[in-house]
């Protein structure tokens, strides 16, 4: 039906705008606390204001932006506690992805895909670029979750709010712990490829809890 096709196109456009804003945060084009004005975004993306407003409402529902009455929206600023709470929450999702993907790591294509993603982690670690490093870690876990075969794990980890909150972690990690961080992830990666799902999960969860302890000591203690 023509009406349904039009609605599908509109929904697709709004979805792309939502992704574009989140990608902008991940790339550093938009910063926490920055105002987003519908007219400016419409010019930037070459669309009308209507889908921009709808996208901003969707982003507000995802917790990425805060709507300001008669003033558009602004990118959310997250407290240290919010970011730590988020990391503890995603530990459970990623641990499941680690366990299930490890069970499939004897497949040559799976090993190649995981290894390619880990190479991006190593590359960003070499450059000591925190945002790129966190993004590479995120995409590594996207690959593990895809390989896991669990559609819910794969779907939820790609939600806009997950991507947004993950990007916000780069202000807190790796911080001054670059060497230990990559050492931990090399061990996680090697254990996944070994096919030992139990050990991979134990090592991964131990790493996350180490990261959380560092965040609390390095940042909460000073506030």
N, C-alpha and C. Protein backbone atom coordinates (compact mmCIF):
# COMPACT_ATOMS: atom_id res chain seq x y z
N UNK A 1 0.84 -1.19 0.00
CA UNK A 1 0.00 0.00 0.00
C UNK A 1 0.88 1.25 0.00
N UNK A 2 0.49 2.30 -0.77
CA UNK A 2 1.30 3.52 -0.84
C UNK A 2 1.55 4.16 0.52
N UNK A 3 0.50 4.20 1.37
CA UNK A 3 0.65 4.82 2.69
C UNK A 3 1.65 4.09 3.55
N UNK A 4 1.60 2.75 3.49
CA UNK A 4 2.51 1.95 4.29
C UNK A 4 3.95 2.14 3.81
N UNK A 5 4.14 2.23 2.49
CA UNK A 5 5.48 2.44 1.94
C UNK A 5 6.04 3.77 2.40
N UNK A 6 5.20 4.81 2.41
CA UNK A 6 5.63 6.13 2.87
C UNK A 6 6.04 6.08 4.33
N UNK A 7 5.27 5.36 5.15
CA UNK A 7 5.59 5.24 6.57
C UNK A 7 6.91 4.51 6.77
N UNK A 8 7.15 3.47 5.95
CA UNK A 8 8.40 2.72 6.05
C UNK A 8 9.60 3.61 5.72
N UNK A 9 9.46 4.42 4.67
CA UNK A 9 10.53 5.33 4.28
C UNK A 9 10.80 6.34 5.39
N UNK A 10 9.73 6.88 5.98
CA UNK A 10 9.88 7.86 7.06
C UNK A 10 10.58 7.24 8.26
N UNK A 11 10.15 6.03 8.63
CA UNK A 11 10.76 5.35 9.78
C UNK A 11 12.23 5.06 9.51
N UNK A 12 12.54 4.68 8.26
CA UNK A 12 13.93 4.40 7.90
C UNK A 12 14.78 5.66 7.99
N UNK A 13 14.24 6.80 7.55
CA UNK A 13 14.96 8.07 7.62
C UNK A 13 15.21 8.45 9.06
N UNK A 14 14.20 8.34 9.91
CA UNK A 14 14.36 8.68 11.33
C UNK A 14 15.41 7.78 11.96
N UNK A 15 15.38 6.49 11.63
CA UNK A 15 16.37 5.57 12.16
C UNK A 15 17.78 5.95 11.76
N UNK A 16 17.94 6.37 10.50
CA UNK A 16 19.26 6.79 10.04
C UNK A 16 19.73 8.05 10.75
N UNK A 17 18.80 8.96 11.04
CA UNK A 17 19.15 10.18 11.76
C UNK A 17 19.55 9.88 13.20
N UNK A 18 18.84 8.95 13.82
CA UNK A 18 19.21 8.52 15.17
C UNK A 18 20.63 7.97 15.16
N UNK A 19 20.92 7.10 14.20
CA UNK A 19 22.26 6.52 14.10
C UNK A 19 23.30 7.60 13.82
N UNK A 20 22.94 8.58 13.00
CA UNK A 20 23.89 9.63 12.64
C UNK A 20 24.29 10.46 13.86
N UNK A 21 23.32 10.77 14.72
CA UNK A 21 23.62 11.54 15.92
C UNK A 21 24.51 10.73 16.86
N UNK A 22 24.16 9.46 17.06
CA UNK A 22 24.98 8.62 17.94
C UNK A 22 26.38 8.45 17.35
N UNK A 23 26.47 8.25 16.04
CA UNK A 23 27.78 8.15 15.39
C UNK A 23 28.56 9.45 15.58
N UNK A 24 27.84 10.59 15.57
CA UNK A 24 28.49 11.87 15.77
C UNK A 24 29.09 11.99 17.16
N UNK A 25 28.40 11.44 18.15
CA UNK A 25 28.94 11.42 19.51
C UNK A 25 30.17 10.53 19.56
N UNK A 26 30.07 9.34 18.93
CA UNK A 26 31.17 8.40 18.94
C UNK A 26 32.41 8.97 18.25
N UNK A 27 32.18 9.80 17.23
CA UNK A 27 33.29 10.38 16.48
C UNK A 27 33.80 11.68 17.11
N UNK A 28 33.11 12.16 18.16
CA UNK A 28 33.54 13.38 18.83
C UNK A 28 33.00 14.65 18.20
N UNK A 29 32.08 14.54 17.22
CA UNK A 29 31.50 15.74 16.61
C UNK A 29 30.51 16.42 17.55
N UNK A 30 29.85 15.62 18.37
CA UNK A 30 28.94 16.15 19.38
C UNK A 30 29.48 15.75 20.75
N UNK A 31 29.44 16.69 21.68
CA UNK A 31 30.01 16.46 23.00
C UNK A 31 28.92 16.47 24.07
N UNK A 32 29.13 15.78 25.19
CA UNK A 32 28.16 15.83 26.29
C UNK A 32 27.85 17.26 26.69
N UNK A 33 26.57 17.56 26.84
CA UNK A 33 26.14 18.90 27.20
C UNK A 33 25.89 19.81 26.01
N UNK A 34 26.30 19.39 24.82
CA UNK A 34 26.13 20.23 23.63
C UNK A 34 24.67 20.28 23.21
N UNK A 35 24.19 21.49 22.87
CA UNK A 35 22.83 21.64 22.38
C UNK A 35 22.72 21.17 20.94
N UNK A 36 21.61 20.54 20.63
CA UNK A 36 21.28 20.12 19.28
C UNK A 36 20.03 20.88 18.85
N UNK A 37 20.16 21.71 17.85
CA UNK A 37 19.05 22.54 17.38
C UNK A 37 18.50 21.91 16.10
N UNK A 38 17.19 21.69 16.08
CA UNK A 38 16.56 20.97 14.97
C UNK A 38 16.88 21.61 13.63
N UNK A 39 16.82 22.95 13.55
CA UNK A 39 17.07 23.63 12.28
C UNK A 39 18.50 23.39 11.80
N UNK A 40 19.45 23.41 12.72
CA UNK A 40 20.85 23.18 12.36
C UNK A 40 21.06 21.74 11.89
N UNK A 41 20.44 20.80 12.59
CA UNK A 41 20.58 19.40 12.21
C UNK A 41 19.92 19.13 10.86
N UNK A 42 18.79 19.80 10.62
CA UNK A 42 18.10 19.63 9.34
C UNK A 42 19.00 20.10 8.20
N UNK A 43 19.68 21.21 8.39
CA UNK A 43 20.62 21.70 7.37
C UNK A 43 21.80 20.75 7.21
N UNK A 44 22.31 20.27 8.34
CA UNK A 44 23.48 19.38 8.31
C UNK A 44 23.21 18.09 7.54
N UNK A 45 22.00 17.54 7.74
CA UNK A 45 21.68 16.25 7.13
C UNK A 45 20.81 16.37 5.89
N UNK A 46 20.45 17.59 5.51
CA UNK A 46 19.70 17.80 4.29
C UNK A 46 18.30 17.24 4.32
N UNK A 47 17.62 17.39 5.46
CA UNK A 47 16.25 16.88 5.60
C UNK A 47 15.39 17.98 6.21
N UNK A 48 14.08 17.73 6.29
CA UNK A 48 13.19 18.69 6.94
C UNK A 48 13.29 18.55 8.46
N UNK A 49 12.67 19.49 9.16
CA UNK A 49 12.76 19.45 10.62
C UNK A 49 11.92 18.35 11.24
N UNK A 50 10.87 17.90 10.56
CA UNK A 50 9.96 16.91 11.14
C UNK A 50 10.68 15.62 11.52
N UNK A 51 11.44 14.98 10.59
CA UNK A 51 12.15 13.76 11.00
C UNK A 51 13.23 14.01 12.03
N UNK A 52 13.82 15.22 12.01
CA UNK A 52 14.82 15.57 13.02
C UNK A 52 14.17 15.58 14.40
N UNK A 53 13.00 16.22 14.50
CA UNK A 53 12.31 16.28 15.79
C UNK A 53 11.94 14.88 16.27
N UNK A 54 11.48 14.04 15.33
CA UNK A 54 11.13 12.67 15.71
C UNK A 54 12.36 11.90 16.17
N UNK A 55 13.47 12.10 15.47
CA UNK A 55 14.71 11.42 15.86
C UNK A 55 15.16 11.87 17.25
N UNK A 56 15.03 13.17 17.55
CA UNK A 56 15.42 13.67 18.87
C UNK A 56 14.54 13.08 19.96
N UNK A 57 13.25 12.91 19.67
CA UNK A 57 12.37 12.28 20.66
C UNK A 57 12.75 10.82 20.88
N UNK A 58 13.14 10.13 19.81
CA UNK A 58 13.60 8.75 19.96
C UNK A 58 14.89 8.69 20.77
N UNK A 59 15.79 9.62 20.50
CA UNK A 59 17.05 9.66 21.24
C UNK A 59 16.81 9.99 22.71
N UNK A 60 15.81 10.83 22.98
CA UNK A 60 15.47 11.12 24.37
C UNK A 60 14.96 9.86 25.06
N UNK A 61 14.15 9.08 24.34
CA UNK A 61 13.65 7.82 24.89
C UNK A 61 14.76 6.82 25.15
N UNK A 62 15.83 6.91 24.37
CA UNK A 62 16.98 6.02 24.55
C UNK A 62 17.95 6.53 25.61
N UNK A 63 17.70 7.75 26.12
CA UNK A 63 18.59 8.30 27.13
C UNK A 63 19.84 8.93 26.58
N UNK A 64 19.85 9.23 25.27
CA UNK A 64 21.03 9.82 24.64
C UNK A 64 21.00 11.34 24.73
N UNK A 65 19.82 11.93 24.59
CA UNK A 65 19.67 13.38 24.69
C UNK A 65 18.61 13.72 25.73
N UNK A 66 18.64 14.97 26.15
CA UNK A 66 17.60 15.53 27.03
C UNK A 66 16.88 16.61 26.24
N UNK A 67 15.57 16.56 26.23
CA UNK A 67 14.80 17.59 25.53
C UNK A 67 14.67 18.81 26.42
N UNK A 68 14.84 19.98 25.80
CA UNK A 68 14.74 21.26 26.52
C UNK A 68 13.56 22.02 25.94
N UNK A 69 12.62 22.38 26.78
CA UNK A 69 11.40 23.05 26.30
C UNK A 69 11.75 24.28 25.47
N UNK A 70 11.26 24.28 24.23
CA UNK A 70 11.43 25.40 23.30
C UNK A 70 12.89 25.69 22.94
N UNK A 71 13.78 24.75 23.25
CA UNK A 71 15.20 25.01 22.97
C UNK A 71 15.90 23.82 22.32
N UNK A 72 15.12 22.87 21.83
CA UNK A 72 15.73 21.72 21.17
C UNK A 72 16.12 20.64 22.15
N UNK A 73 17.36 20.19 22.07
CA UNK A 73 17.83 19.10 22.91
C UNK A 73 19.31 19.29 23.18
N UNK A 74 19.83 18.49 24.10
CA UNK A 74 21.27 18.50 24.34
C UNK A 74 21.73 17.08 24.64
N UNK A 75 22.96 16.80 24.28
CA UNK A 75 23.55 15.50 24.55
C UNK A 75 23.68 15.33 26.06
N UNK A 76 23.27 14.18 26.54
CA UNK A 76 23.34 13.94 27.98
C UNK A 76 24.77 13.91 28.49
N UNK A 77 24.94 14.45 29.68
CA UNK A 77 26.21 14.30 30.40
C UNK A 77 25.99 13.24 31.48
N UNK A 78 26.89 12.30 31.56
CA UNK A 78 26.71 11.18 32.48
C UNK A 78 27.67 11.28 33.65
N UNK A 79 27.16 10.99 34.83
CA UNK A 79 28.01 10.97 36.01
C UNK A 79 28.91 9.73 35.97
N UNK A 80 29.95 9.73 36.79
CA UNK A 80 30.81 8.56 36.90
C UNK A 80 30.00 7.35 37.35
N UNK A 81 29.11 7.56 38.31
CA UNK A 81 28.30 6.44 38.81
C UNK A 81 27.43 5.84 37.71
N UNK A 82 26.84 6.70 36.87
CA UNK A 82 26.01 6.19 35.78
C UNK A 82 26.83 5.34 34.82
N UNK A 83 28.05 5.78 34.55
CA UNK A 83 28.88 5.02 33.63
C UNK A 83 29.36 3.70 34.24
N UNK A 84 29.64 3.72 35.53
CA UNK A 84 30.00 2.47 36.21
C UNK A 84 28.81 1.52 36.25
N UNK A 85 27.64 2.04 36.56
CA UNK A 85 26.43 1.20 36.57
C UNK A 85 26.20 0.58 35.20
N UNK A 86 26.43 1.36 34.16
CA UNK A 86 26.26 0.86 32.80
C UNK A 86 27.25 -0.26 32.50
N UNK A 87 28.49 -0.07 32.90
CA UNK A 87 29.51 -1.09 32.63
C UNK A 87 29.17 -2.38 33.35
N UNK A 88 28.68 -2.28 34.58
CA UNK A 88 28.28 -3.48 35.31
C UNK A 88 27.09 -4.17 34.63
N UNK A 89 26.19 -3.39 34.07
CA UNK A 89 25.04 -3.94 33.36
C UNK A 89 25.47 -4.68 32.10
N UNK A 90 26.35 -4.05 31.32
CA UNK A 90 26.74 -4.68 30.06
C UNK A 90 27.68 -5.86 30.28
N UNK A 91 28.27 -5.96 31.45
CA UNK A 91 29.08 -7.15 31.76
C UNK A 91 28.29 -8.42 31.53
N UNK A 92 27.03 -8.41 31.97
CA UNK A 92 26.21 -9.62 31.83
C UNK A 92 25.93 -9.95 30.37
N UNK A 93 25.62 -8.93 29.56
CA UNK A 93 25.35 -9.16 28.14
C UNK A 93 26.59 -9.68 27.44
N UNK A 94 27.72 -9.01 27.67
CA UNK A 94 28.95 -9.39 26.98
C UNK A 94 29.47 -10.73 27.45
N UNK A 95 29.29 -11.06 28.72
CA UNK A 95 29.75 -12.36 29.22
C UNK A 95 29.02 -13.48 28.51
N UNK A 96 27.73 -13.30 28.27
CA UNK A 96 26.97 -14.31 27.54
C UNK A 96 27.49 -14.43 26.12
N UNK A 97 27.74 -13.29 25.48
CA UNK A 97 28.29 -13.32 24.14
C UNK A 97 29.65 -14.00 24.09
N UNK A 98 30.49 -13.74 25.09
CA UNK A 98 31.81 -14.38 25.17
C UNK A 98 31.66 -15.89 25.27
N UNK A 99 30.78 -16.33 26.16
CA UNK A 99 30.63 -17.78 26.37
C UNK A 99 30.12 -18.49 25.12
N UNK A 100 29.08 -17.92 24.50
CA UNK A 100 28.49 -18.57 23.34
C UNK A 100 29.41 -18.52 22.12
N UNK A 101 30.08 -17.39 21.93
CA UNK A 101 31.00 -17.28 20.79
C UNK A 101 32.19 -18.21 20.95
N UNK A 102 32.67 -18.35 22.18
CA UNK A 102 33.81 -19.25 22.42
C UNK A 102 33.47 -20.67 21.99
N UNK A 103 32.21 -21.05 22.20
CA UNK A 103 31.78 -22.38 21.81
C UNK A 103 31.82 -22.61 20.30
N UNK A 104 31.95 -21.56 19.52
CA UNK A 104 31.97 -21.67 18.07
C UNK A 104 33.34 -21.33 17.49
N UNK A 105 34.33 -21.14 18.35
CA UNK A 105 35.61 -20.61 17.92
C UNK A 105 36.48 -21.62 17.17
N UNK A 106 36.02 -22.86 17.07
CA UNK A 106 36.78 -23.84 16.28
C UNK A 106 36.53 -23.71 14.78
N UNK A 107 35.54 -22.89 14.41
CA UNK A 107 35.23 -22.64 13.00
C UNK A 107 36.24 -21.63 12.44
N UNK A 108 36.82 -21.92 11.31
CA UNK A 108 37.87 -21.06 10.74
C UNK A 108 37.37 -19.66 10.44
N UNK A 109 36.16 -19.54 9.90
CA UNK A 109 35.62 -18.22 9.58
C UNK A 109 35.37 -17.40 10.84
N UNK A 110 34.90 -18.07 11.89
CA UNK A 110 34.66 -17.40 13.17
C UNK A 110 35.97 -16.88 13.74
N UNK A 111 37.00 -17.71 13.73
CA UNK A 111 38.30 -17.31 14.26
C UNK A 111 38.86 -16.12 13.48
N UNK A 112 38.68 -16.14 12.16
CA UNK A 112 39.17 -15.04 11.33
C UNK A 112 38.44 -13.74 11.66
N UNK A 113 37.12 -13.82 11.84
CA UNK A 113 36.33 -12.62 12.15
C UNK A 113 36.72 -12.03 13.50
N UNK A 114 36.87 -12.90 14.50
CA UNK A 114 37.24 -12.43 15.84
C UNK A 114 38.65 -11.83 15.82
N UNK A 115 39.55 -12.50 15.13
CA UNK A 115 40.94 -12.04 15.07
C UNK A 115 41.04 -10.69 14.37
N UNK A 116 40.24 -10.48 13.32
CA UNK A 116 40.25 -9.20 12.62
C UNK A 116 39.79 -8.07 13.53
N UNK A 117 38.78 -8.33 14.33
CA UNK A 117 38.30 -7.31 15.26
C UNK A 117 39.32 -7.03 16.35
N UNK A 118 40.02 -8.08 16.77
CA UNK A 118 41.02 -7.85 17.81
C UNK A 118 42.20 -7.05 17.28
N UNK A 119 42.51 -7.21 16.00
CA UNK A 119 43.59 -6.43 15.40
C UNK A 119 43.31 -4.93 15.50
N UNK A 120 42.03 -4.55 15.39
CA UNK A 120 41.66 -3.13 15.53
C UNK A 120 41.88 -2.65 16.96
N UNK A 121 41.67 -3.52 17.93
CA UNK A 121 41.94 -3.17 19.33
C UNK A 121 43.44 -2.90 19.50
N UNK A 122 44.26 -3.80 18.98
CA UNK A 122 45.72 -3.63 19.08
C UNK A 122 46.18 -2.34 18.41
N UNK A 123 45.59 -2.04 17.25
CA UNK A 123 46.00 -0.84 16.51
C UNK A 123 45.67 0.43 17.28
N UNK A 124 44.46 0.49 17.83
CA UNK A 124 44.08 1.70 18.57
C UNK A 124 44.84 1.79 19.88
N UNK A 125 45.18 0.65 20.47
CA UNK A 125 46.00 0.66 21.68
C UNK A 125 47.39 1.24 21.39
N UNK A 126 47.95 0.88 20.26
CA UNK A 126 49.27 1.39 19.87
C UNK A 126 49.26 2.91 19.77
N UNK A 127 48.16 3.46 19.29
CA UNK A 127 48.04 4.92 19.13
C UNK A 127 47.64 5.62 20.42
N UNK A 128 47.25 4.85 21.42
CA UNK A 128 46.81 5.40 22.72
C UNK A 128 45.68 6.43 22.54
N UNK A 129 44.72 6.08 21.69
CA UNK A 129 43.57 6.94 21.46
C UNK A 129 42.37 6.31 22.18
N UNK A 130 41.98 6.90 23.32
CA UNK A 130 40.99 6.26 24.20
C UNK A 130 39.65 6.03 23.51
N UNK A 131 39.17 7.03 22.78
CA UNK A 131 37.86 6.88 22.14
C UNK A 131 37.88 5.77 21.09
N UNK A 132 38.94 5.74 20.28
CA UNK A 132 39.04 4.69 19.27
C UNK A 132 39.23 3.32 19.92
N UNK A 133 39.96 3.29 21.02
CA UNK A 133 40.20 2.03 21.72
C UNK A 133 38.89 1.47 22.26
N UNK A 134 38.10 2.31 22.91
CA UNK A 134 36.81 1.87 23.45
C UNK A 134 35.88 1.46 22.32
N UNK A 135 35.91 2.20 21.21
CA UNK A 135 35.08 1.84 20.06
C UNK A 135 35.51 0.48 19.49
N UNK A 136 36.81 0.21 19.43
CA UNK A 136 37.29 -1.08 18.93
C UNK A 136 36.86 -2.22 19.85
N UNK A 137 36.89 -1.98 21.16
CA UNK A 137 36.42 -2.98 22.11
C UNK A 137 34.92 -3.25 21.90
N UNK A 138 34.17 -2.18 21.71
CA UNK A 138 32.73 -2.30 21.48
C UNK A 138 32.46 -3.14 20.23
N UNK A 139 33.18 -2.86 19.16
CA UNK A 139 32.95 -3.59 17.91
C UNK A 139 33.43 -5.04 18.00
N UNK A 140 34.42 -5.29 18.83
CA UNK A 140 34.86 -6.66 19.10
C UNK A 140 33.72 -7.45 19.75
N UNK A 141 33.06 -6.84 20.70
CA UNK A 141 31.95 -7.53 21.37
C UNK A 141 30.71 -7.61 20.48
N UNK A 142 30.52 -6.65 19.60
CA UNK A 142 29.44 -6.79 18.61
C UNK A 142 29.67 -8.06 17.79
N UNK A 143 30.92 -8.28 17.38
CA UNK A 143 31.25 -9.47 16.58
C UNK A 143 31.03 -10.75 17.39
N UNK A 144 31.46 -10.74 18.64
CA UNK A 144 31.23 -11.92 19.49
C UNK A 144 29.74 -12.18 19.67
N UNK A 145 28.98 -11.12 19.88
CA UNK A 145 27.53 -11.29 20.07
C UNK A 145 26.85 -11.78 18.80
N UNK A 146 27.34 -11.31 17.66
CA UNK A 146 26.80 -11.81 16.39
C UNK A 146 27.09 -13.29 16.23
N UNK A 147 28.33 -13.65 16.51
CA UNK A 147 28.75 -15.05 16.39
C UNK A 147 28.02 -15.94 17.39
N UNK A 148 27.64 -15.37 18.53
CA UNK A 148 27.00 -16.16 19.60
C UNK A 148 25.76 -16.90 19.12
N UNK A 149 25.07 -16.34 18.12
CA UNK A 149 23.84 -16.96 17.64
C UNK A 149 22.62 -16.59 18.44
N UNK A 150 22.79 -15.80 19.50
CA UNK A 150 21.66 -15.35 20.32
C UNK A 150 21.21 -13.99 19.78
N UNK A 151 20.05 -13.97 19.12
CA UNK A 151 19.58 -12.75 18.48
C UNK A 151 19.31 -11.62 19.44
N UNK A 152 18.88 -11.94 20.67
CA UNK A 152 18.60 -10.88 21.64
C UNK A 152 19.88 -10.20 22.09
N UNK A 153 20.91 -10.98 22.35
CA UNK A 153 22.19 -10.41 22.76
C UNK A 153 22.73 -9.50 21.66
N UNK A 154 22.67 -9.97 20.43
CA UNK A 154 23.18 -9.19 19.30
C UNK A 154 22.36 -7.91 19.11
N UNK A 155 21.03 -8.01 19.22
CA UNK A 155 20.15 -6.86 19.02
C UNK A 155 20.36 -5.79 20.09
N UNK A 156 20.32 -6.19 21.36
CA UNK A 156 20.35 -5.20 22.43
C UNK A 156 21.69 -4.49 22.52
N UNK A 157 22.77 -5.18 22.21
CA UNK A 157 24.07 -4.54 22.34
C UNK A 157 24.30 -3.47 21.28
N UNK A 158 23.49 -3.46 20.23
CA UNK A 158 23.61 -2.44 19.20
C UNK A 158 22.61 -1.30 19.35
N UNK A 159 21.82 -1.32 20.42
CA UNK A 159 20.87 -0.24 20.63
C UNK A 159 21.60 1.10 20.75
N UNK A 160 20.96 2.21 20.30
CA UNK A 160 21.64 3.51 20.38
C UNK A 160 22.16 3.87 21.76
N UNK A 161 21.40 3.56 22.80
CA UNK A 161 21.85 3.96 24.14
C UNK A 161 23.09 3.16 24.57
N UNK A 162 23.20 1.90 24.12
CA UNK A 162 24.39 1.11 24.44
C UNK A 162 25.61 1.73 23.77
N UNK A 163 25.47 2.08 22.50
CA UNK A 163 26.58 2.69 21.77
C UNK A 163 26.99 4.01 22.42
N UNK A 164 25.99 4.80 22.81
CA UNK A 164 26.25 6.10 23.41
C UNK A 164 26.98 5.96 24.75
N UNK A 165 26.43 5.13 25.63
CA UNK A 165 27.04 4.97 26.95
C UNK A 165 28.45 4.39 26.82
N UNK A 166 28.63 3.47 25.87
CA UNK A 166 29.96 2.88 25.68
C UNK A 166 30.97 3.96 25.32
N UNK A 167 30.58 4.86 24.43
CA UNK A 167 31.48 5.95 24.04
C UNK A 167 31.86 6.81 25.24
N UNK A 168 30.90 7.03 26.14
CA UNK A 168 31.15 7.86 27.31
C UNK A 168 32.16 7.23 28.28
N UNK A 169 32.40 5.93 28.14
CA UNK A 169 33.37 5.26 29.01
C UNK A 169 34.80 5.69 28.70
N UNK A 170 35.03 6.24 27.51
CA UNK A 170 36.40 6.56 27.11
C UNK A 170 37.01 7.68 27.95
N UNK A 171 36.18 8.43 28.67
CA UNK A 171 36.71 9.44 29.58
C UNK A 171 37.28 8.81 30.85
N UNK A 172 36.91 7.55 31.11
CA UNK A 172 37.29 6.88 32.36
C UNK A 172 38.25 5.71 32.15
N UNK A 173 38.26 5.16 30.96
CA UNK A 173 39.08 3.98 30.70
C UNK A 173 39.64 4.06 29.28
N UNK A 174 40.86 3.59 29.09
CA UNK A 174 41.75 2.93 30.05
C UNK A 174 42.41 3.84 31.07
N UNK A 175 42.24 5.17 30.94
CA UNK A 175 42.89 6.12 31.86
C UNK A 175 44.40 5.86 31.84
N UNK A 176 45.00 5.59 33.01
CA UNK A 176 46.45 5.37 33.06
C UNK A 176 46.82 3.89 33.03
N UNK A 177 45.86 3.06 32.65
CA UNK A 177 46.06 1.60 32.76
C UNK A 177 46.17 0.91 31.40
N UNK A 178 46.78 1.58 30.43
CA UNK A 178 46.84 1.04 29.08
C UNK A 178 47.49 -0.34 29.01
N UNK A 179 48.62 -0.52 29.67
CA UNK A 179 49.37 -1.77 29.56
C UNK A 179 48.57 -2.94 30.13
N UNK A 180 48.01 -2.75 31.31
CA UNK A 180 47.25 -3.85 31.92
C UNK A 180 45.97 -4.12 31.14
N UNK A 181 45.38 -3.06 30.61
CA UNK A 181 44.13 -3.23 29.85
C UNK A 181 44.36 -4.13 28.63
N UNK A 182 45.41 -3.85 27.86
CA UNK A 182 45.64 -4.67 26.66
C UNK A 182 46.10 -6.06 27.05
N UNK A 183 46.84 -6.17 28.13
CA UNK A 183 47.27 -7.49 28.60
C UNK A 183 46.05 -8.35 28.96
N UNK A 184 45.08 -7.74 29.64
CA UNK A 184 43.86 -8.45 30.00
C UNK A 184 43.11 -8.90 28.75
N UNK A 185 43.00 -7.99 27.78
CA UNK A 185 42.20 -8.33 26.59
C UNK A 185 42.92 -9.34 25.69
N UNK A 186 44.22 -9.32 25.69
CA UNK A 186 44.94 -10.36 24.95
C UNK A 186 44.64 -11.73 25.53
N UNK A 187 44.59 -11.78 26.86
CA UNK A 187 44.28 -13.06 27.51
C UNK A 187 42.84 -13.48 27.24
N UNK A 188 41.92 -12.52 27.29
CA UNK A 188 40.52 -12.83 26.96
C UNK A 188 40.43 -13.39 25.55
N UNK A 189 41.07 -12.70 24.61
CA UNK A 189 41.03 -13.12 23.21
C UNK A 189 41.64 -14.51 23.01
N UNK A 190 42.80 -14.73 23.59
CA UNK A 190 43.45 -16.04 23.46
C UNK A 190 42.59 -17.15 24.04
N UNK A 191 41.92 -16.87 25.15
CA UNK A 191 41.10 -17.89 25.79
C UNK A 191 39.85 -18.18 24.98
N UNK A 192 39.28 -17.15 24.36
CA UNK A 192 38.15 -17.37 23.46
C UNK A 192 38.56 -18.29 22.32
N UNK A 193 39.71 -18.02 21.72
CA UNK A 193 40.17 -18.83 20.60
C UNK A 193 40.54 -20.25 21.03
N UNK A 194 40.85 -20.42 22.31
CA UNK A 194 41.19 -21.76 22.81
C UNK A 194 39.97 -22.66 22.92
N UNK A 195 38.77 -22.04 22.92
CA UNK A 195 37.54 -22.81 23.03
C UNK A 195 37.09 -23.09 24.45
N UNK A 196 37.77 -22.53 25.43
CA UNK A 196 37.42 -22.75 26.84
C UNK A 196 36.45 -21.65 27.29
N UNK A 197 35.15 -21.90 27.12
CA UNK A 197 34.14 -20.89 27.41
C UNK A 197 34.09 -20.49 28.86
N UNK A 198 34.23 -21.44 29.76
CA UNK A 198 34.16 -21.12 31.20
C UNK A 198 35.29 -20.18 31.59
N UNK A 199 36.51 -20.52 31.18
CA UNK A 199 37.65 -19.67 31.53
C UNK A 199 37.55 -18.30 30.88
N UNK A 200 37.06 -18.25 29.63
CA UNK A 200 36.91 -16.97 28.94
C UNK A 200 35.98 -16.04 29.70
N UNK A 201 34.87 -16.58 30.20
CA UNK A 201 33.92 -15.76 30.95
C UNK A 201 34.53 -15.31 32.27
N UNK A 202 35.22 -16.21 32.96
CA UNK A 202 35.85 -15.85 34.24
C UNK A 202 36.86 -14.73 34.04
N UNK A 203 37.69 -14.86 33.02
CA UNK A 203 38.72 -13.84 32.77
C UNK A 203 38.07 -12.52 32.36
N UNK A 204 37.03 -12.59 31.52
CA UNK A 204 36.35 -11.36 31.09
C UNK A 204 35.69 -10.65 32.26
N UNK A 205 34.93 -11.37 33.08
CA UNK A 205 34.25 -10.73 34.21
C UNK A 205 35.25 -10.20 35.23
N UNK A 206 36.36 -10.90 35.41
CA UNK A 206 37.41 -10.39 36.31
C UNK A 206 37.98 -9.08 35.78
N UNK A 207 38.15 -9.01 34.46
CA UNK A 207 38.64 -7.77 33.85
C UNK A 207 37.67 -6.61 34.09
N UNK A 208 36.40 -6.84 33.86
CA UNK A 208 35.41 -5.77 34.05
C UNK A 208 35.41 -5.30 35.49
N UNK A 209 35.50 -6.20 36.42
CA UNK A 209 35.49 -5.81 37.84
C UNK A 209 36.76 -5.05 38.21
N UNK A 210 37.85 -5.40 37.56
CA UNK A 210 39.09 -4.63 37.74
C UNK A 210 38.91 -3.22 37.20
N UNK A 211 38.29 -3.08 36.03
CA UNK A 211 38.04 -1.76 35.44
C UNK A 211 37.16 -0.93 36.37
N UNK A 212 36.10 -1.54 36.89
CA UNK A 212 35.19 -0.82 37.79
C UNK A 212 35.93 -0.34 39.04
N UNK A 213 36.78 -1.19 39.61
CA UNK A 213 37.56 -0.78 40.79
C UNK A 213 38.44 0.41 40.47
N UNK A 214 39.07 0.38 39.30
CA UNK A 214 39.92 1.50 38.89
C UNK A 214 39.11 2.79 38.75
N UNK A 215 37.94 2.68 38.13
CA UNK A 215 37.09 3.86 37.94
C UNK A 215 36.71 4.47 39.29
N UNK A 216 36.32 3.62 40.19
CA UNK A 216 35.90 4.13 41.51
C UNK A 216 37.08 4.79 42.24
N UNK A 217 38.24 4.17 42.17
CA UNK A 217 39.40 4.72 42.84
C UNK A 217 39.92 5.98 42.17
N UNK A 218 39.99 5.95 40.83
CA UNK A 218 40.59 7.07 40.10
C UNK A 218 39.69 8.29 40.01
N UNK A 219 38.37 8.07 39.97
CA UNK A 219 37.46 9.17 39.68
C UNK A 219 36.49 9.48 40.81
N UNK A 220 35.86 8.47 41.36
CA UNK A 220 34.91 8.76 42.43
C UNK A 220 35.63 9.28 43.68
N UNK A 221 36.80 8.78 43.93
CA UNK A 221 37.55 9.21 45.11
C UNK A 221 37.92 10.67 45.06
N UNK A 222 38.01 11.21 43.85
CA UNK A 222 38.41 12.60 43.71
C UNK A 222 37.25 13.56 43.60
N UNK A 223 36.00 13.03 43.73
CA UNK A 223 34.83 13.90 43.58
C UNK A 223 34.01 13.91 44.86
